[in-house]
Amino acid sequence: MQRKTTELPKDPIPGFTTEAFQQEFVKSVVIANLPFRTVENPQFCRLINMLRSNVVVPSANTLRRSIRDYSQCIIAGLKRIIPRATQVHIATDTWTSPNGLSFAGTTMHFIDAEWAMQGEVIGF
């Protein structure tokens, strides 16, 4: 049986700065759909500090605020790229995580100026 490997995202990995780490950390938690409490797990913090000892892992509350701020930046960016008078379609979904937590998500879809369909998560 062949072992499956995980491919890295195609965009370049930024050099380390505290700000770049925080941005990538927030994106990783959101994309991987990790519970916010993961960041307060001692073993998780140990793993991160093993990779870079001077990194401060944010608390769950700080992570929550960072995600809210990040989503506001995404929304501002979307407002710039959505052509005027474009129809935007909204979709919602709800689910329960393996540990019993309920979630709801909202996505939007639209056709951009080059006639390519675009989709973005706008609420979680």
PDB file of N, CA and C in Angstrom:
ATOM      1  N   MET A   1       0.842  -1.174   0.000  1.00  0.00           N
ATOM      2  CA  MET A   1       0.000   0.000   0.000  1.00  0.00           C
ATOM      3  C   MET A   1       0.890   1.240   0.000  1.00  0.00           C
ATOM      4  N   GLN A   2       0.619   2.147  -0.937  1.00  0.00           N
ATOM      5  CA  GLN A   2       1.424   3.352  -1.049  1.00  0.00           C
ATOM      6  C   GLN A   2       0.955   4.397  -0.036  1.00  0.00           C
ATOM      7  N   ARG A   3       1.890   5.046   0.570  1.00  0.00           N
ATOM      8  CA  ARG A   3       1.594   6.058   1.580  1.00  0.00           C
ATOM      9  C   ARG A   3       1.224   7.378   0.911  1.00  0.00           C
ATOM     10  N   LYS A   4       0.142   7.973   1.357  1.00  0.00           N
ATOM     11  CA  LYS A   4      -0.313   9.246   0.804  1.00  0.00           C
ATOM     12  C   LYS A   4       0.449  10.390   1.463  1.00  0.00           C
ATOM     13  N   THR A   5       0.931  11.315   0.640  1.00  0.00           N
ATOM     14  CA  THR A   5       1.630  12.479   1.184  1.00  0.00           C
ATOM     15  C   THR A   5       0.753  13.709   1.021  1.00  0.00           C
ATOM     16  N   THR A   6       0.952  14.657   1.896  1.00  0.00           N
ATOM     17  CA  THR A   6       0.192  15.904   1.852  1.00  0.00           C
ATOM     18  C   THR A   6       0.981  16.930   1.047  1.00  0.00           C
ATOM     19  N   GLU A   7       0.322  17.531   0.068  1.00  0.00           N
ATOM     20  CA  GLU A   7       0.980  18.562  -0.720  1.00  0.00           C
ATOM     21  C   GLU A   7       0.883  19.909  -0.004  1.00  0.00           C
ATOM     22  N   LEU A   8       1.947  20.685  -0.091  1.00  0.00           N
ATOM     23  CA  LEU A   8       1.934  22.035   0.461  1.00  0.00           C
ATOM     24  C   LEU A   8       1.183  22.955  -0.484  1.00  0.00           C
ATOM     25  N   PRO A   9       0.576  24.023   0.053  1.00  0.00           N
ATOM     26  CA  PRO A   9      -0.067  24.996  -0.827  1.00  0.00           C
ATOM     27  C   PRO A   9       0.937  25.532  -1.849  1.00  0.00           C
ATOM     28  N   LYS A  10       0.438  25.944  -3.009  1.00  0.00           N
ATOM     29  CA  LYS A  10       1.302  26.399  -4.107  1.00  0.00           C
ATOM     30  C   LYS A  10       1.899  27.787  -3.876  1.00  0.00           C
ATOM     31  N   ASP A  11       1.246  28.626  -3.039  1.00  0.00           N
ATOM     32  CA  ASP A  11       1.787  29.967  -2.827  1.00  0.00           C
ATOM     33  C   ASP A  11       3.079  29.885  -2.014  1.00  0.00           C
ATOM     34  N   PRO A  12       4.005  30.829  -2.218  1.00  0.00           N
ATOM     35  CA  PRO A  12       5.296  30.768  -1.530  1.00  0.00           C
ATOM     36  C   PRO A  12       5.135  30.917  -0.017  1.00  0.00           C
ATOM     37  N   ILE A  13       5.989  30.228   0.713  1.00  0.00           N
ATOM     38  CA  ILE A  13       5.968  30.315   2.173  1.00  0.00           C
ATOM     39  C   ILE A  13       6.724  31.579   2.571  1.00  0.00           C
ATOM     40  N   PRO A  14       6.068  32.472   3.338  1.00  0.00           N
ATOM     41  CA  PRO A  14       6.745  33.727   3.710  1.00  0.00           C
ATOM     42  C   PRO A  14       7.872  33.460   4.703  1.00  0.00           C
ATOM     43  N   GLY A  15       8.847  34.369   4.735  1.00  0.00           N
ATOM     44  CA  GLY A  15       9.886  34.295   5.743  1.00  0.00           C
ATOM     45  C   GLY A  15       9.272  34.512   7.121  1.00  0.00           C
ATOM     46  N   PHE A  16       9.942  34.053   8.166  1.00  0.00           N
ATOM     47  CA  PHE A  16       9.356  34.152   9.496  1.00  0.00           C
ATOM     48  C   PHE A  16       9.406  35.569  10.033  1.00  0.00           C
ATOM     49  N   THR A  17       8.232  36.050  10.402  1.00  0.00           N
ATOM     50  CA  THR A  17       8.074  37.235  11.243  1.00  0.00           C
ATOM     51  C   THR A  17       6.916  36.884  12.164  1.00  0.00           C
ATOM     52  N   THR A  18       6.809  37.563  13.267  1.00  0.00           N
ATOM     53  CA  THR A  18       5.702  37.287  14.183  1.00  0.00           C
ATOM     54  C   THR A  18       4.369  37.510  13.490  1.00  0.00           C
ATOM     55  N   GLU A  19       4.271  38.581  12.701  1.00  0.00           N
ATOM     56  CA  GLU A  19       3.020  38.882  11.995  1.00  0.00           C
ATOM     57  C   GLU A  19       2.694  37.807  10.959  1.00  0.00           C
ATOM     58  N   ALA A  20       3.707  37.383  10.191  1.00  0.00           N
ATOM     59  CA  ALA A  20       3.478  36.342   9.181  1.00  0.00           C
ATOM     60  C   ALA A  20       3.054  35.034   9.859  1.00  0.00           C
ATOM     61  N   PHE A  21       3.700  34.705  10.994  1.00  0.00           N
ATOM     62  CA  PHE A  21       3.331  33.489  11.720  1.00  0.00           C
ATOM     63  C   PHE A  21       1.877  33.558  12.177  1.00  0.00           C
ATOM     64  N   GLN A  22       1.470  34.699  12.756  1.00  0.00           N
ATOM     65  CA  GLN A  22       0.096  34.831  13.242  1.00  0.00           C
ATOM     66  C   GLN A  22      -0.908  34.673  12.102  1.00  0.00           C
ATOM     67  N   GLN A  23      -0.619  35.281  10.938  1.00  0.00           N
ATOM     68  CA  GLN A  23      -1.526  35.174   9.796  1.00  0.00           C
ATOM     69  C   GLN A  23      -1.633  33.733   9.313  1.00  0.00           C
ATOM     70  N   GLU A  24      -0.494  33.055   9.171  1.00  0.00           N
ATOM     71  CA  GLU A  24      -0.504  31.660   8.711  1.00  0.00           C
ATOM     72  C   GLU A  24      -1.155  30.753   9.755  1.00  0.00           C
ATOM     73  N   PHE A  25      -0.953  31.071  11.025  1.00  0.00           N
ATOM     74  CA  PHE A  25      -1.548  30.285  12.104  1.00  0.00           C
ATOM     75  C   PHE A  25      -3.073  30.366  12.040  1.00  0.00           C
ATOM     76  N   VAL A  26      -3.596  31.579  11.891  1.00  0.00           N
ATOM     77  CA  VAL A  26      -5.048  31.785  11.799  1.00  0.00           C
ATOM     78  C   VAL A  26      -5.598  31.046  10.583  1.00  0.00           C
ATOM     79  N   LYS A  27      -4.953  31.221   9.422  1.00  0.00           N
ATOM     80  CA  LYS A  27      -5.419  30.543   8.214  1.00  0.00           C
ATOM     81  C   LYS A  27      -5.393  29.024   8.392  1.00  0.00           C
ATOM     82  N   SER A  28      -4.350  28.503   9.035  1.00  0.00           N
ATOM     83  CA  SER A  28      -4.232  27.048   9.235  1.00  0.00           C
ATOM     84  C   SER A  28      -5.353  26.503  10.108  1.00  0.00           C
ATOM     85  N   VAL A  29      -5.668  27.210  11.186  1.00  0.00           N
ATOM     86  CA  VAL A  29      -6.749  26.770  12.077  1.00  0.00           C
ATOM     87  C   VAL A  29      -8.083  26.773  11.333  1.00  0.00           C
ATOM     88  N   VAL A  30      -8.332  27.830  10.547  1.00  0.00           N
ATOM     89  CA  VAL A  30      -9.588  27.935   9.812  1.00  0.00           C
ATOM     90  C   VAL A  30      -9.677  26.860   8.732  1.00  0.00           C
ATOM     91  N   ILE A  31      -8.640  26.741   7.909  1.00  0.00           N
ATOM     92  CA  ILE A  31      -8.662  25.794   6.793  1.00  0.00           C
ATOM     93  C   ILE A  31      -8.730  24.348   7.284  1.00  0.00           C
ATOM     94  N   ALA A  32      -8.014  24.035   8.366  1.00  0.00           N
ATOM     95  CA  ALA A  32      -8.022  22.677   8.902  1.00  0.00           C
ATOM     96  C   ALA A  32      -9.251  22.400   9.772  1.00  0.00           C
ATOM     97  N   ASN A  33     -10.056  23.456  10.001  1.00  0.00           N
ATOM     98  CA  ASN A  33     -11.273  23.313  10.808  1.00  0.00           C
ATOM     99  C   ASN A  33     -10.956  22.783  12.210  1.00  0.00           C
ATOM    100  N   LEU A  34      -9.903  23.333  12.815  1.00  0.00           N
ATOM    101  CA  LEU A  34      -9.503  22.912  14.155  1.00  0.00           C
ATOM    102  C   LEU A  34     -10.329  23.634  15.216  1.00  0.00           C
ATOM    103  N   PRO A  35     -10.663  22.960  16.288  1.00  0.00           N
ATOM    104  CA  PRO A  35     -11.329  23.657  17.397  1.00  0.00           C
ATOM    105  C   PRO A  35     -10.393  24.715  17.980  1.00  0.00           C
ATOM    106  N   PHE A  36     -10.945  25.840  18.400  1.00  0.00           N
ATOM    107  CA  PHE A  36     -10.121  26.906  18.962  1.00  0.00           C
ATOM    108  C   PHE A  36      -9.335  26.433  20.177  1.00  0.00           C
ATOM    109  N   ARG A  37      -9.899  25.506  20.924  1.00  0.00           N
ATOM    110  CA  ARG A  37      -9.222  25.012  22.131  1.00  0.00           C
ATOM    111  C   ARG A  37      -7.936  24.257  21.821  1.00  0.00           C
ATOM    112  N   THR A  38      -7.745  23.857  20.570  1.00  0.00           N
ATOM    113  CA  THR A  38      -6.525  23.144  20.187  1.00  0.00           C
ATOM    114  C   THR A  38      -5.293  23.936  20.572  1.00  0.00           C
ATOM    115  N   VAL A  39      -5.364  25.257  20.422  1.00  0.00           N
ATOM    116  CA  VAL A  39      -4.185  26.098  20.672  1.00  0.00           C
ATOM    117  C   VAL A  39      -3.810  26.148  22.148  1.00  0.00           C
ATOM    118  N   GLU A  40      -4.706  25.720  23.017  1.00  0.00           N
ATOM    119  CA  GLU A  40      -4.402  25.712  24.446  1.00  0.00           C
ATOM    120  C   GLU A  40      -3.987  24.330  24.941  1.00  0.00           C
ATOM    121  N   ASN A  41      -3.913  23.373  24.037  1.00  0.00           N
ATOM    122  CA  ASN A  41      -3.469  22.033  24.398  1.00  0.00           C
ATOM    123  C   ASN A  41      -1.961  22.060  24.624  1.00  0.00           C
ATOM    124  N   PRO A  42      -1.486  21.595  25.785  1.00  0.00           N
ATOM    125  CA  PRO A  42      -0.045  21.664  26.086  1.00  0.00           C
ATOM    126  C   PRO A  42       0.826  20.944  25.053  1.00  0.00           C
ATOM    127  N   GLN A  43       0.367  19.822  24.546  1.00  0.00           N
ATOM    128  CA  GLN A  43       1.170  19.094  23.564  1.00  0.00           C
ATOM    129  C   GLN A  43       1.266  19.857  22.241  1.00  0.00           C
ATOM    130  N   PHE A  44       0.173  20.511  21.855  1.00  0.00           N
ATOM    131  CA  PHE A  44       0.188  21.327  20.643  1.00  0.00           C
ATOM    132  C   PHE A  44       1.172  22.482  20.800  1.00  0.00           C
ATOM    133  N   CYS A  45       1.124  23.167  21.952  1.00  0.00           N
ATOM    134  CA  CYS A  45       2.052  24.277  22.222  1.00  0.00           C
ATOM    135  C   CYS A  45       3.493  23.782  22.229  1.00  0.00           C
ATOM    136  N   ARG A  46       3.707  22.620  22.783  1.00  0.00           N
ATOM    137  CA  ARG A  46       5.055  22.024  22.807  1.00  0.00           C
ATOM    138  C   ARG A  46       5.556  21.775  21.380  1.00  0.00           C
ATOM    139  N   LEU A  47       4.681  21.256  20.524  1.00  0.00           N
ATOM    140  CA  LEU A  47       5.048  21.002  19.133  1.00  0.00           C
ATOM    141  C   LEU A  47       5.452  22.300  18.433  1.00  0.00           C
ATOM    142  N   ILE A  48       4.646  23.339  18.580  1.00  0.00           N
ATOM    143  CA  ILE A  48       4.954  24.625  17.953  1.00  0.00           C
ATOM    144  C   ILE A  48       6.268  25.179  18.488  1.00  0.00           C
ATOM    145  N   ASN A  49       6.472  25.110  19.799  1.00  0.00           N
ATOM    146  CA  ASN A  49       7.700  25.632  20.400  1.00  0.00           C
ATOM    147  C   ASN A  49       8.918  24.796  20.041  1.00  0.00           C
ATOM    148  N   MET A  50       8.706  23.533  19.711  1.00  0.00           N
ATOM    149  CA  MET A  50       9.799  22.694  19.249  1.00  0.00           C
ATOM    150  C   MET A  50      10.302  23.190  17.883  1.00  0.00           C
ATOM    151  N   LEU A  51       9.384  23.669  17.062  1.00  0.00           N
ATOM    152  CA  LEU A  51       9.746  24.175  15.746  1.00  0.00           C
ATOM    153  C   LEU A  51      10.433  25.534  15.819  1.00  0.00           C
ATOM    154  N   ARG A  52       9.947  26.361  16.747  1.00  0.00           N
ATOM    155  CA  ARG A  52      10.540  27.699  16.933  1.00  0.00           C
ATOM    156  C   ARG A  52      10.262  28.109  18.376  1.00  0.00           C
ATOM    157  N   SER A  53      11.295  28.113  19.197  1.00  0.00           N
ATOM    158  CA  SER A  53      11.116  28.262  20.644  1.00  0.00           C
ATOM    159  C   SER A  53      10.601  29.630  21.085  1.00  0.00           C
ATOM    160  N   ASN A  54      10.782  30.677  20.276  1.00  0.00           N
ATOM    161  CA  ASN A  54      10.357  32.005  20.723  1.00  0.00           C
ATOM    162  C   ASN A  54       8.948  32.367  20.261  1.00  0.00           C
ATOM    163  N   VAL A  55       8.209  31.419  19.709  1.00  0.00           N
ATOM    164  CA  VAL A  55       6.849  31.689  19.234  1.00  0.00           C
ATOM    165  C   VAL A  55       5.877  31.629  20.402  1.00  0.00           C
ATOM    166  N   VAL A  56       5.009  32.625  20.462  1.00  0.00           N
ATOM    167  CA  VAL A  56       3.949  32.635  21.460  1.00  0.00           C
ATOM    168  C   VAL A  56       2.682  32.154  20.768  1.00  0.00           C
ATOM    169  N   VAL A  57       2.142  31.027  21.232  1.00  0.00           N
ATOM    170  CA  VAL A  57       0.907  30.491  20.676  1.00  0.00           C
ATOM    171  C   VAL A  57      -0.244  31.279  21.296  1.00  0.00           C
ATOM    172  N   PRO A  58      -1.112  31.847  20.453  1.00  0.00           N
ATOM    173  CA  PRO A  58      -2.210  32.661  21.000  1.00  0.00           C
ATOM    174  C   PRO A  58      -3.226  31.814  21.760  1.00  0.00           C
ATOM    175  N   SER A  59      -3.930  32.454  22.684  1.00  0.00           N
ATOM    176  CA  SER A  59      -5.003  31.766  23.408  1.00  0.00           C
ATOM    177  C   SER A  59      -6.191  31.569  22.471  1.00  0.00           C
ATOM    178  N   ALA A  60      -7.146  30.765  22.884  1.00  0.00           N
ATOM    179  CA  ALA A  60      -8.357  30.540  22.079  1.00  0.00           C
ATOM    180  C   ALA A  60      -9.105  31.851  21.860  1.00  0.00           C
ATOM    181  N   ASN A  61      -9.182  32.703  22.885  1.00  0.00           N
ATOM    182  CA  ASN A  61      -9.873  33.991  22.736  1.00  0.00           C
ATOM    183  C   ASN A  61      -9.144  34.913  21.767  1.00  0.00           C
ATOM    184  N   THR A  62      -7.828  34.954  21.843  1.00  0.00           N
ATOM    185  CA  THR A  62      -7.047  35.767  20.911  1.00  0.00           C
ATOM    186  C   THR A  62      -7.210  35.235  19.493  1.00  0.00           C
ATOM    187  N   LEU A  63      -7.194  33.930  19.352  1.00  0.00           N
ATOM    188  CA  LEU A  63      -7.397  33.308  18.043  1.00  0.00           C
ATOM    189  C   LEU A  63      -8.768  33.684  17.478  1.00  0.00           C
ATOM    190  N   ARG A  64      -9.777  33.631  18.317  1.00  0.00           N
ATOM    191  CA  ARG A  64     -11.137  33.990  17.896  1.00  0.00           C
ATOM    192  C   ARG A  64     -11.186  35.440  17.387  1.00  0.00           C
ATOM    193  N   ARG A  65     -10.554  36.355  18.115  1.00  0.00           N
ATOM    194  CA  ARG A  65     -10.500  37.763  17.683  1.00  0.00           C
ATOM    195  C   ARG A  65      -9.715  37.904  16.387  1.00  0.00           C
ATOM    196  N   SER A  66      -8.611  37.187  16.271  1.00  0.00           N
ATOM    197  CA  SER A  66      -7.798  37.254  15.050  1.00  0.00           C
ATOM    198  C   SER A  66      -8.576  36.748  13.845  1.00  0.00           C
ATOM    199  N   ILE A  67      -9.361  35.698  14.036  1.00  0.00           N
ATOM    200  CA  ILE A  67     -10.171  35.173  12.940  1.00  0.00           C
ATOM    201  C   ILE A  67     -11.234  36.190  12.549  1.00  0.00           C
ATOM    202  N   ARG A  68     -11.839  36.836  13.530  1.00  0.00           N
ATOM    203  CA  ARG A  68     -12.835  37.878  13.236  1.00  0.00           C
ATOM    204  C   ARG A  68     -12.183  39.020  12.447  1.00  0.00           C
ATOM    205  N   ASP A  69     -11.009  39.462  12.871  1.00  0.00           N
ATOM    206  CA  ASP A  69     -10.295  40.527  12.163  1.00  0.00           C
ATOM    207  C   ASP A  69      -9.916  40.091  10.749  1.00  0.00           C
ATOM    208  N   TYR A  70      -9.434  38.854  10.626  1.00  0.00           N
ATOM    209  CA  TYR A  70      -9.057  38.310   9.317  1.00  0.00           C
ATOM    210  C   TYR A  70     -10.269  38.266   8.392  1.00  0.00           C
ATOM    211  N   SER A  71     -11.413  37.875   8.928  1.00  0.00           N
ATOM    212  CA  SER A  71     -12.617  37.808   8.098  1.00  0.00           C
ATOM    213  C   SER A  71     -13.037  39.197   7.632  1.00  0.00           C
ATOM    214  N   GLN A  72     -12.835  40.215   8.464  1.00  0.00           N
ATOM    215  CA  GLN A  72     -13.153  41.588   8.049  1.00  0.00           C
ATOM    216  C   GLN A  72     -12.250  42.030   6.896  1.00  0.00           C
ATOM    217  N   CYS A  73     -10.989  41.631   6.933  1.00  0.00           N
ATOM    218  CA  CYS A  73     -10.065  41.946   5.828  1.00  0.00           C
ATOM    219  C   CYS A  73     -10.504  41.227   4.555  1.00  0.00           C
ATOM    220  N   ILE A  74     -10.927  39.983   4.686  1.00  0.00           N
ATOM    221  CA  ILE A  74     -11.397  39.213   3.527  1.00  0.00           C
ATOM    222  C   ILE A  74     -12.627  39.887   2.928  1.00  0.00           C
ATOM    223  N   ILE A  75     -13.555  40.292   3.776  1.00  0.00           N
ATOM    224  CA  ILE A  75     -14.785  40.943   3.297  1.00  0.00           C
ATOM    225  C   ILE A  75     -14.448  42.251   2.582  1.00  0.00           C
ATOM    226  N   ALA A  76     -13.532  43.039   3.138  1.00  0.00           N
ATOM    227  CA  ALA A  76     -13.129  44.287   2.480  1.00  0.00           C
ATOM    228  C   ALA A  76     -12.517  44.000   1.115  1.00  0.00           C
ATOM    229  N   GLY A  77     -11.702  42.955   1.030  1.00  0.00           N
ATOM    230  CA  GLY A  77     -11.107  42.569  -0.244  1.00  0.00           C
ATOM    231  C   GLY A  77     -12.153  42.113  -1.244  1.00  0.00           C
ATOM    232  N   LEU A  78     -13.142  41.368  -0.766  1.00  0.00           N
ATOM    233  CA  LEU A  78     -14.216  40.916  -1.654  1.00  0.00           C
ATOM    234  C   LEU A  78     -15.012  42.086  -2.203  1.00  0.00           C
ATOM    235  N   LYS A  79     -15.223  43.073  -1.370  1.00  0.00           N
ATOM    236  CA  LYS A  79     -15.964  44.255  -1.829  1.00  0.00           C
ATOM    237  C   LYS A  79     -15.221  44.950  -2.966  1.00  0.00           C
ATOM    238  N   ARG A  80     -13.886  44.847  -2.960  1.00  0.00           N
ATOM    239  CA  ARG A  80     -13.103  45.476  -4.026  1.00  0.00           C
ATOM    240  C   ARG A  80     -13.143  44.666  -5.324  1.00  0.00           C
ATOM    241  N   ILE A  81     -13.258  43.332  -5.233  1.00  0.00           N
ATOM    242  CA  ILE A  81     -13.169  42.514  -6.458  1.00  0.00           C
ATOM    243  C   ILE A  81     -14.523  42.154  -7.061  1.00  0.00           C
ATOM    244  N   ILE A  82     -15.592  42.284  -6.305  1.00  0.00           N
ATOM    245  CA  ILE A  82     -16.901  41.945  -6.862  1.00  0.00           C
ATOM    246  C   ILE A  82     -17.355  43.095  -7.751  1.00  0.00           C
ATOM    247  N   PRO A  83     -17.577  42.816  -9.029  1.00  0.00           N
ATOM    248  CA  PRO A  83     -18.026  43.884  -9.921  1.00  0.00           C
ATOM    249  C   PRO A  83     -19.369  44.451  -9.460  1.00  0.00           C
ATOM    250  N   ARG A  84     -19.573  45.735  -9.743  1.00  0.00           N
ATOM    251  CA  ARG A  84     -20.848  46.369  -9.401  1.00  0.00           C
ATOM    252  C   ARG A  84     -21.974  45.664 -10.137  1.00  0.00           C
ATOM    253  N   ALA A  85     -23.133  45.661  -9.554  1.00  0.00           N
ATOM    254  CA  ALA A  85     -24.345  45.071 -10.128  1.00  0.00           C
ATOM    255  C   ALA A  85     -24.196  43.573 -10.388  1.00  0.00           C
ATOM    256  N   THR A  86     -23.320  42.917  -9.639  1.00  0.00           N
ATOM    257  CA  THR A  86     -23.148  41.471  -9.760  1.00  0.00           C
ATOM    258  C   THR A  86     -24.110  40.774  -8.813  1.00  0.00           C
ATOM    259  N   GLN A  87     -24.681  39.694  -9.295  1.00  0.00           N
ATOM    260  CA  GLN A  87     -25.524  38.895  -8.408  1.00  0.00           C
ATOM    261  C   GLN A  87     -24.618  38.015  -7.558  1.00  0.00           C
ATOM    262  N   VAL A  88     -24.862  38.037  -6.277  1.00  0.00           N
ATOM    263  CA  VAL A  88     -24.110  37.211  -5.338  1.00  0.00           C
ATOM    264  C   VAL A  88     -25.067  36.177  -4.771  1.00  0.00           C
ATOM    265  N   HIS A  89     -24.636  34.936  -4.799  1.00  0.00           N
ATOM    266  CA  HIS A  89     -25.457  33.845  -4.282  1.00  0.00           C
ATOM    267  C   HIS A  89     -24.875  33.387  -2.948  1.00  0.00           C
ATOM    268  N   ILE A  90     -25.747  33.227  -1.987  1.00  0.00           N
ATOM    269  CA  ILE A  90     -25.362  32.851  -0.632  1.00  0.00           C
ATOM    270  C   ILE A  90     -25.812  31.417  -0.356  1.00  0.00           C
ATOM    271  N   ALA A  91     -24.915  30.640   0.258  1.00  0.00           N
ATOM    272  CA  ALA A  91     -25.252  29.274   0.657  1.00  0.00           C
ATOM    273  C   ALA A  91     -24.887  29.102   2.128  1.00  0.00           C
ATOM    274  N   THR A  92     -25.694  28.349   2.846  1.00  0.00           N
ATOM    275  CA  THR A  92     -25.404  28.080   4.256  1.00  0.00           C
ATOM    276  C   THR A  92     -25.334  26.573   4.480  1.00  0.00           C
ATOM    277  N   ASP A  93     -24.624  26.202   5.519  1.00  0.00           N
ATOM    278  CA  ASP A  93     -24.504  24.799   5.876  1.00  0.00           C
ATOM    279  C   ASP A  93     -24.321  24.721   7.388  1.00  0.00           C
ATOM    280  N   THR A  94     -24.869  23.698   7.984  1.00  0.00           N
ATOM    281  CA  THR A  94     -24.672  23.449   9.415  1.00  0.00           C
ATOM    282  C   THR A  94     -24.201  22.016   9.591  1.00  0.00           C
ATOM    283  N   TRP A  95     -23.425  21.777  10.623  1.00  0.00           N
ATOM    284  CA  TRP A  95     -22.936  20.438  10.889  1.00  0.00           C
ATOM    285  C   TRP A  95     -22.511  20.346  12.348  1.00  0.00           C
ATOM    286  N   THR A  96     -22.272  19.123  12.766  1.00  0.00           N
ATOM    287  CA  THR A  96     -21.810  18.863  14.119  1.00  0.00           C
ATOM    288  C   THR A  96     -20.442  18.201  14.025  1.00  0.00           C
ATOM    289  N   SER A  97     -19.484  18.716  14.775  1.00  0.00           N
ATOM    290  CA  SER A  97     -18.127  18.174  14.753  1.00  0.00           C
ATOM    291  C   SER A  97     -18.098  16.822  15.462  1.00  0.00           C
ATOM    292  N   PRO A  98     -17.012  16.051  15.274  1.00  0.00           N
ATOM    293  CA  PRO A  98     -16.907  14.751  15.956  1.00  0.00           C
ATOM    294  C   PRO A  98     -16.991  14.850  17.475  1.00  0.00           C
ATOM    295  N   ASN A  99     -16.610  16.021  18.042  1.00  0.00           N
ATOM    296  CA  ASN A  99     -16.686  16.172  19.499  1.00  0.00           C
ATOM    297  C   ASN A  99     -17.996  16.813  19.956  1.00  0.00           C
ATOM    298  N   GLY A 100     -19.000  16.860  19.049  1.00  0.00           N
ATOM    299  CA  GLY A 100     -20.346  17.275  19.435  1.00  0.00           C
ATOM    300  C   GLY A 100     -20.645  18.764  19.365  1.00  0.00           C
ATOM    301  N   LEU A 101     -19.716  19.570  18.852  1.00  0.00           N
ATOM    302  CA  LEU A 101     -19.965  21.006  18.750  1.00  0.00           C
ATOM    303  C   LEU A 101     -20.707  21.313  17.453  1.00  0.00           C
ATOM    304  N   SER A 102     -21.673  22.208  17.526  1.00  0.00           N
ATOM    305  CA  SER A 102     -22.438  22.598  16.337  1.00  0.00           C
ATOM    306  C   SER A 102     -21.804  23.801  15.663  1.00  0.00           C
ATOM    307  N   PHE A 103     -21.800  23.792  14.338  1.00  0.00           N
ATOM    308  CA  PHE A 103     -21.234  24.882  13.554  1.00  0.00           C
ATOM    309  C   PHE A 103     -22.202  25.268  12.447  1.00  0.00           C
ATOM    310  N   ALA A 104     -22.099  26.497  12.006  1.00  0.00           N
ATOM    311  CA  ALA A 104     -22.842  26.967  10.841  1.00  0.00           C
ATOM    312  C   ALA A 104     -21.869  27.783  10.001  1.00  0.00           C
ATOM    313  N   GLY A 105     -21.944  27.614   8.694  1.00  0.00           N
ATOM    314  CA  GLY A 105     -21.069  28.345   7.795  1.00  0.00           C
ATOM    315  C   GLY A 105     -21.872  28.987   6.678  1.00  0.00           C
ATOM    316  N   THR A 106     -21.380  30.099   6.176  1.00  0.00           N
ATOM    317  CA  THR A 106     -22.021  30.801   5.071  1.00  0.00           C
ATOM    318  C   THR A 106     -20.975  31.072   4.005  1.00  0.00           C
ATOM    319  N   THR A 107     -21.311  30.743   2.762  1.00  0.00           N
ATOM    320  CA  THR A 107     -20.421  31.023   1.641  1.00  0.00           C
ATOM    321  C   THR A 107     -21.147  31.877   0.617  1.00  0.00           C
ATOM    322  N   MET A 108     -20.371  32.612  -0.162  1.00  0.00           N
ATOM    323  CA  MET A 108     -20.953  33.385  -1.254  1.00  0.00           C
ATOM    324  C   MET A 108     -20.285  32.974  -2.552  1.00  0.00           C
ATOM    325  N   HIS A 109     -21.042  33.034  -3.643  1.00  0.00           N
ATOM    326  CA  HIS A 109     -20.533  32.689  -4.961  1.00  0.00           C
ATOM    327  C   HIS A 109     -20.939  33.784  -5.936  1.00  0.00           C
ATOM    328  N   PHE A 110     -20.053  34.112  -6.869  1.00  0.00           N
ATOM    329  CA  PHE A 110     -20.350  35.117  -7.882  1.00  0.00           C
ATOM    330  C   PHE A 110     -19.456  34.876  -9.091  1.00  0.00           C
ATOM    331  N   ILE A 111     -19.801  35.486 -10.189  1.00  0.00           N
ATOM    332  CA  ILE A 111     -18.999  35.423 -11.408  1.00  0.00           C
ATOM    333  C   ILE A 111     -18.182  36.708 -11.491  1.00  0.00           C
ATOM    334  N   ASP A 112     -16.860  36.580 -11.628  1.00  0.00           N
ATOM    335  CA  ASP A 112     -16.012  37.779 -11.664  1.00  0.00           C
ATOM    336  C   ASP A 112     -15.970  38.392 -13.064  1.00  0.00           C
ATOM    337  N   ALA A 113     -15.176  39.448 -13.220  1.00  0.00           N
ATOM    338  CA  ALA A 113     -15.116  40.187 -14.490  1.00  0.00           C
ATOM    339  C   ALA A 113     -14.591  39.331 -15.646  1.00  0.00           C
ATOM    340  N   GLU A 114     -13.833  38.259 -15.338  1.00  0.00           N
ATOM    341  CA  GLU A 114     -13.321  37.356 -16.381  1.00  0.00           C
ATOM    342  C   GLU A 114     -14.226  36.140 -16.570  1.00  0.00           C
ATOM    343  N   TRP A 115     -15.416  36.180 -16.031  1.00  0.00           N
ATOM    344  CA  TRP A 115     -16.407  35.111 -16.140  1.00  0.00           C
ATOM    345  C   TRP A 115     -15.978  33.814 -15.454  1.00  0.00           C
ATOM    346  N   ALA A 116     -15.184  33.942 -14.418  1.00  0.00           N
ATOM    347  CA  ALA A 116     -14.792  32.774 -13.632  1.00  0.00           C
ATOM    348  C   ALA A 116     -15.616  32.757 -12.342  1.00  0.00           C
ATOM    349  N   MET A 117     -16.125  31.585 -11.990  1.00  0.00           N
ATOM    350  CA  MET A 117     -16.896  31.494 -10.754  1.00  0.00           C
ATOM    351  C   MET A 117     -15.961  31.593  -9.559  1.00  0.00           C
ATOM    352  N   GLN A 118     -16.337  32.411  -8.606  1.00  0.00           N
ATOM    353  CA  GLN A 118     -15.564  32.613  -7.389  1.00  0.00           C
ATOM    354  C   GLN A 118     -16.421  32.228  -6.201  1.00  0.00           C
ATOM    355  N   GLY A 119     -15.799  31.746  -5.142  1.00  0.00           N
ATOM    356  CA  GLY A 119     -16.513  31.417  -3.924  1.00  0.00           C
ATOM    357  C   GLY A 119     -15.667  31.757  -2.714  1.00  0.00           C
ATOM    358  N   GLU A 120     -16.295  32.251  -1.687  1.00  0.00           N
ATOM    359  CA  GLU A 120     -15.590  32.615  -0.457  1.00  0.00           C
ATOM    360  C   GLU A 120     -16.460  32.297   0.753  1.00  0.00           C
ATOM    361  N   VAL A 121     -15.798  31.871   1.832  1.00  0.00           N
ATOM    362  CA  VAL A 121     -16.476  31.696   3.112  1.00  0.00           C
ATOM    363  C   VAL A 121     -16.664  33.098   3.700  1.00  0.00           C
ATOM    364  N   ILE A 122     -17.887  33.457   4.038  1.00  0.00           N
ATOM    365  CA  ILE A 122     -18.117  34.799   4.592  1.00  0.00           C
ATOM    366  C   ILE A 122     -18.627  34.771   6.019  1.00  0.00           C
ATOM    367  N   GLY A 123     -18.928  33.609   6.518  1.00  0.00           N
ATOM    368  CA  GLY A 123     -19.374  33.522   7.904  1.00  0.00           C
ATOM    369  C   GLY A 123     -19.137  32.139   8.438  1.00  0.00           C
ATOM    370  N   PHE A 124     -18.752  32.065   9.721  1.00  0.00           N
ATOM    371  CA  PHE A 124     -18.494  30.769  10.337  1.00  0.00           C
ATOM    372  C   PHE A 124     -18.839  30.877  11.797  1.00  0.00           C
TER     373      PHE A 124
END
